[in-house]
Structures are given as C-alpha cells and as structure tokens.
Amino acid sequence: MTQKAIFYHAGCSVCVDAEQRIATALDPAAYDVEIVHLGSDKGRLNEAEAAGVKSVPALVIDGQPYHINFGADLSALR
C-alpha cells in the first residue's frame, strides 16, 4: 500500500529544481505523489496551510510537512 505525498510549489526555479530532485525521486511503489502548483491553483492554499506548510517548496508525507528550501512564503502567493 502506498502513502500519500503532496509536493506543494509555486513554479519558481527553486521549486522546480526541488520537484525534479525530490518529488520524482520518491519510490512510486511506496508513495503516491501529487504535485500541486500553488501559483496556479490558489484554491489549495488553505489546504497547504492546514497541513503545516509555511513556505514552498514543501513535501507533506503522512500529514507531516517537510520544508525543502525557501522559495516563497505562502502569504506571498495569496
């Protein structure tokens, strides 16, 4: 059974690099990874914030947020 992982990003170069290096490196047999571009899907900002995401890029696995690098604060995306 796979775990749900959500990779939130804003499309900046830091985010795109993190997506290519981290989100796609997760074992697909272990993780079902959803990529969410918060710059174009602003409707999911509250969801990301509720999951504990403070800045992007961030990966949420099993309800636990992991901030990868500082690309943009969520408040900048509103």
N, C-alpha and C. Protein backbone atom coordinates (compact mmCIF):
# COMPACT_ATOMS: atom_id res chain seq x y z
N MET A 1 0.84 -1.18 0.00
CA MET A 1 0.00 0.00 0.00
C MET A 1 0.88 1.24 0.00
N THR A 2 0.53 2.22 -0.82
CA THR A 2 1.34 3.42 -0.92
C THR A 2 0.84 4.50 0.03
N GLN A 3 1.78 5.35 0.45
CA GLN A 3 1.46 6.52 1.26
C GLN A 3 1.22 7.70 0.34
N LYS A 4 0.36 8.60 0.78
CA LYS A 4 0.09 9.82 0.02
C LYS A 4 1.17 10.85 0.34
N ALA A 5 1.73 11.45 -0.68
CA ALA A 5 2.70 12.53 -0.53
C ALA A 5 2.24 13.67 -1.44
N ILE A 6 2.24 14.89 -0.90
CA ILE A 6 1.84 16.05 -1.71
C ILE A 6 3.02 17.01 -1.74
N PHE A 7 3.44 17.35 -2.95
CA PHE A 7 4.54 18.30 -3.14
C PHE A 7 3.92 19.62 -3.56
N TYR A 8 4.03 20.62 -2.69
CA TYR A 8 3.50 21.96 -2.98
C TYR A 8 4.63 22.84 -3.48
N HIS A 9 4.34 23.60 -4.53
CA HIS A 9 5.34 24.54 -5.04
C HIS A 9 4.65 25.71 -5.72
N ALA A 10 5.47 26.69 -6.12
CA ALA A 10 4.91 27.91 -6.73
C ALA A 10 5.44 28.13 -8.14
N GLY A 11 6.21 27.20 -8.66
CA GLY A 11 6.70 27.32 -10.03
C GLY A 11 8.02 28.05 -10.18
N CYS A 12 8.59 28.55 -9.09
CA CYS A 12 9.87 29.26 -9.18
C CYS A 12 10.99 28.26 -9.46
N SER A 13 12.16 28.76 -9.78
CA SER A 13 13.27 27.87 -10.14
C SER A 13 13.67 26.97 -8.97
N VAL A 14 13.62 27.47 -7.74
CA VAL A 14 13.93 26.64 -6.57
C VAL A 14 12.92 25.50 -6.47
N CYS A 15 11.65 25.82 -6.68
CA CYS A 15 10.59 24.82 -6.59
C CYS A 15 10.71 23.75 -7.68
N VAL A 16 10.95 24.19 -8.88
CA VAL A 16 11.07 23.25 -10.00
C VAL A 16 12.27 22.32 -9.80
N ASP A 17 13.37 22.85 -9.33
CA ASP A 17 14.54 22.03 -9.05
C ASP A 17 14.23 21.01 -7.95
N ALA A 18 13.55 21.45 -6.89
CA ALA A 18 13.19 20.53 -5.80
C ALA A 18 12.24 19.45 -6.31
N GLU A 19 11.30 19.82 -7.15
CA GLU A 19 10.38 18.83 -7.71
C GLU A 19 11.14 17.77 -8.49
N GLN A 20 12.06 18.20 -9.33
CA GLN A 20 12.83 17.26 -10.15
C GLN A 20 13.73 16.37 -9.31
N ARG A 21 14.29 16.91 -8.25
CA ARG A 21 15.24 16.15 -7.43
C ARG A 21 14.59 15.32 -6.34
N ILE A 22 13.53 15.81 -5.74
CA ILE A 22 12.98 15.15 -4.56
C ILE A 22 11.67 14.44 -4.85
N ALA A 23 10.69 15.17 -5.33
CA ALA A 23 9.37 14.57 -5.53
C ALA A 23 9.41 13.42 -6.51
N THR A 24 10.19 13.54 -7.56
CA THR A 24 10.25 12.47 -8.55
C THR A 24 11.20 11.34 -8.13
N ALA A 25 11.98 11.57 -7.07
CA ALA A 25 12.91 10.55 -6.59
C ALA A 25 12.24 9.57 -5.62
N LEU A 26 11.05 9.91 -5.14
CA LEU A 26 10.36 9.01 -4.22
C LEU A 26 9.92 7.75 -4.94
N ASP A 27 10.06 6.63 -4.30
CA ASP A 27 9.71 5.34 -4.86
C ASP A 27 8.20 5.27 -5.13
N PRO A 28 7.80 5.14 -6.40
CA PRO A 28 6.37 5.10 -6.71
C PRO A 28 5.66 3.89 -6.13
N ALA A 29 6.39 2.86 -5.75
CA ALA A 29 5.78 1.71 -5.10
C ALA A 29 5.43 2.03 -3.65
N ALA A 30 6.09 3.04 -3.09
CA ALA A 30 5.87 3.39 -1.69
C ALA A 30 5.05 4.67 -1.52
N TYR A 31 5.13 5.58 -2.51
CA TYR A 31 4.47 6.89 -2.39
C TYR A 31 3.66 7.24 -3.63
N ASP A 32 2.45 7.67 -3.39
CA ASP A 32 1.60 8.24 -4.44
C ASP A 32 1.79 9.75 -4.33
N VAL A 33 2.59 10.34 -5.23
CA VAL A 33 2.96 11.74 -5.15
C VAL A 33 2.03 12.59 -6.01
N GLU A 34 1.44 13.60 -5.38
CA GLU A 34 0.63 14.59 -6.09
C GLU A 34 1.42 15.90 -6.11
N ILE A 35 1.55 16.50 -7.27
CA ILE A 35 2.24 17.78 -7.41
C ILE A 35 1.18 18.88 -7.46
N VAL A 36 1.30 19.87 -6.57
CA VAL A 36 0.34 20.97 -6.51
C VAL A 36 1.07 22.29 -6.74
N HIS A 37 0.75 22.96 -7.82
CA HIS A 37 1.34 24.26 -8.16
C HIS A 37 0.44 25.34 -7.55
N LEU A 38 0.84 25.86 -6.39
CA LEU A 38 0.01 26.83 -5.68
C LEU A 38 -0.06 28.19 -6.39
N GLY A 39 0.86 28.45 -7.29
CA GLY A 39 0.79 29.69 -8.05
C GLY A 39 -0.39 29.70 -9.02
N SER A 40 -0.74 28.53 -9.52
CA SER A 40 -1.86 28.44 -10.46
C SER A 40 -3.10 27.79 -9.85
N ASP A 41 -2.95 27.18 -8.68
CA ASP A 41 -4.09 26.54 -8.01
C ASP A 41 -4.24 27.14 -6.61
N LYS A 42 -4.55 28.42 -6.57
CA LYS A 42 -4.64 29.15 -5.30
C LYS A 42 -5.74 28.61 -4.38
N GLY A 43 -6.67 27.89 -4.93
CA GLY A 43 -7.73 27.29 -4.14
C GLY A 43 -7.23 26.26 -3.14
N ARG A 44 -5.98 25.85 -3.29
CA ARG A 44 -5.43 24.84 -2.38
C ARG A 44 -4.48 25.44 -1.35
N LEU A 45 -4.39 26.78 -1.32
CA LEU A 45 -3.52 27.44 -0.33
C LEU A 45 -3.94 27.12 1.10
N ASN A 46 -5.24 27.15 1.39
CA ASN A 46 -5.72 26.85 2.74
C ASN A 46 -5.40 25.42 3.14
N GLU A 47 -5.51 24.52 2.18
CA GLU A 47 -5.17 23.11 2.42
C GLU A 47 -3.70 22.97 2.81
N ALA A 48 -2.83 23.63 2.04
CA ALA A 48 -1.39 23.58 2.32
C ALA A 48 -1.10 24.16 3.70
N GLU A 49 -1.71 25.28 3.99
CA GLU A 49 -1.50 25.92 5.29
C GLU A 49 -1.99 25.02 6.43
N ALA A 50 -3.14 24.39 6.25
CA ALA A 50 -3.67 23.48 7.27
C ALA A 50 -2.76 22.27 7.49
N ALA A 51 -2.01 21.90 6.45
CA ALA A 51 -1.08 20.78 6.56
C ALA A 51 0.23 21.19 7.21
N GLY A 52 0.37 22.50 7.53
CA GLY A 52 1.58 22.97 8.20
C GLY A 52 2.61 23.58 7.29
N VAL A 53 2.28 23.72 6.01
CA VAL A 53 3.22 24.31 5.06
C VAL A 53 3.31 25.81 5.33
N LYS A 54 4.54 26.29 5.50
CA LYS A 54 4.79 27.72 5.74
C LYS A 54 5.37 28.40 4.51
N SER A 55 6.14 27.63 3.74
CA SER A 55 6.76 28.15 2.53
C SER A 55 6.90 27.00 1.54
N VAL A 56 7.11 27.36 0.30
CA VAL A 56 7.29 26.35 -0.74
C VAL A 56 8.70 26.47 -1.31
N PRO A 57 9.25 25.39 -1.78
CA PRO A 57 8.68 24.06 -1.93
C PRO A 57 8.59 23.32 -0.60
N ALA A 58 7.58 22.49 -0.50
CA ALA A 58 7.39 21.66 0.69
C ALA A 58 6.74 20.35 0.27
N LEU A 59 7.11 19.32 0.99
CA LEU A 59 6.57 17.99 0.75
C LEU A 59 5.83 17.57 2.01
N VAL A 60 4.59 17.13 1.87
CA VAL A 60 3.82 16.65 3.01
C VAL A 60 3.63 15.15 2.83
N ILE A 61 4.15 14.40 3.79
CA ILE A 61 4.03 12.94 3.78
C ILE A 61 3.35 12.52 5.07
N ASP A 62 2.26 11.79 4.93
CA ASP A 62 1.54 11.28 6.08
C ASP A 62 1.20 12.39 7.08
N GLY A 63 0.81 13.55 6.54
CA GLY A 63 0.42 14.68 7.37
C GLY A 63 1.55 15.48 7.97
N GLN A 64 2.78 15.13 7.66
CA GLN A 64 3.96 15.82 8.20
C GLN A 64 4.61 16.67 7.11
N PRO A 65 4.70 18.01 7.31
CA PRO A 65 5.33 18.86 6.29
C PRO A 65 6.85 18.85 6.40
N TYR A 66 7.50 18.82 5.27
CA TYR A 66 8.95 18.91 5.17
C TYR A 66 9.27 20.07 4.25
N HIS A 67 9.86 21.10 4.81
CA HIS A 67 10.23 22.28 4.02
C HIS A 67 11.61 22.04 3.43
N ILE A 68 11.68 22.09 2.13
CA ILE A 68 12.88 21.70 1.41
C ILE A 68 13.87 22.85 1.26
N ASN A 69 13.38 24.00 0.92
CA ASN A 69 14.20 25.18 0.70
C ASN A 69 13.24 26.36 0.77
N PHE A 70 13.74 27.55 0.82
CA PHE A 70 12.82 28.68 0.90
C PHE A 70 12.70 29.34 -0.46
N GLY A 71 11.58 29.05 -1.14
CA GLY A 71 11.31 29.65 -2.44
C GLY A 71 10.37 30.82 -2.31
N ALA A 72 9.26 30.61 -1.56
CA ALA A 72 8.26 31.67 -1.37
C ALA A 72 7.44 31.34 -0.14
N ASP A 73 7.15 32.37 0.65
CA ASP A 73 6.25 32.25 1.77
C ASP A 73 4.83 32.11 1.24
N LEU A 74 3.99 31.33 1.92
CA LEU A 74 2.61 31.16 1.44
C LEU A 74 1.87 32.49 1.34
N SER A 75 2.17 33.41 2.23
CA SER A 75 1.48 34.71 2.19
C SER A 75 1.77 35.47 0.89
N ALA A 76 2.90 35.22 0.28
CA ALA A 76 3.25 35.87 -0.99
C ALA A 76 2.43 35.33 -2.15
N LEU A 77 1.83 34.16 -1.97
CA LEU A 77 1.07 33.52 -3.04
C LEU A 77 -0.41 33.91 -3.01
N ARG A 78 -0.83 34.56 -1.96
CA ARG A 78 -2.27 34.93 -1.82
C ARG A 78 -2.64 36.08 -2.70
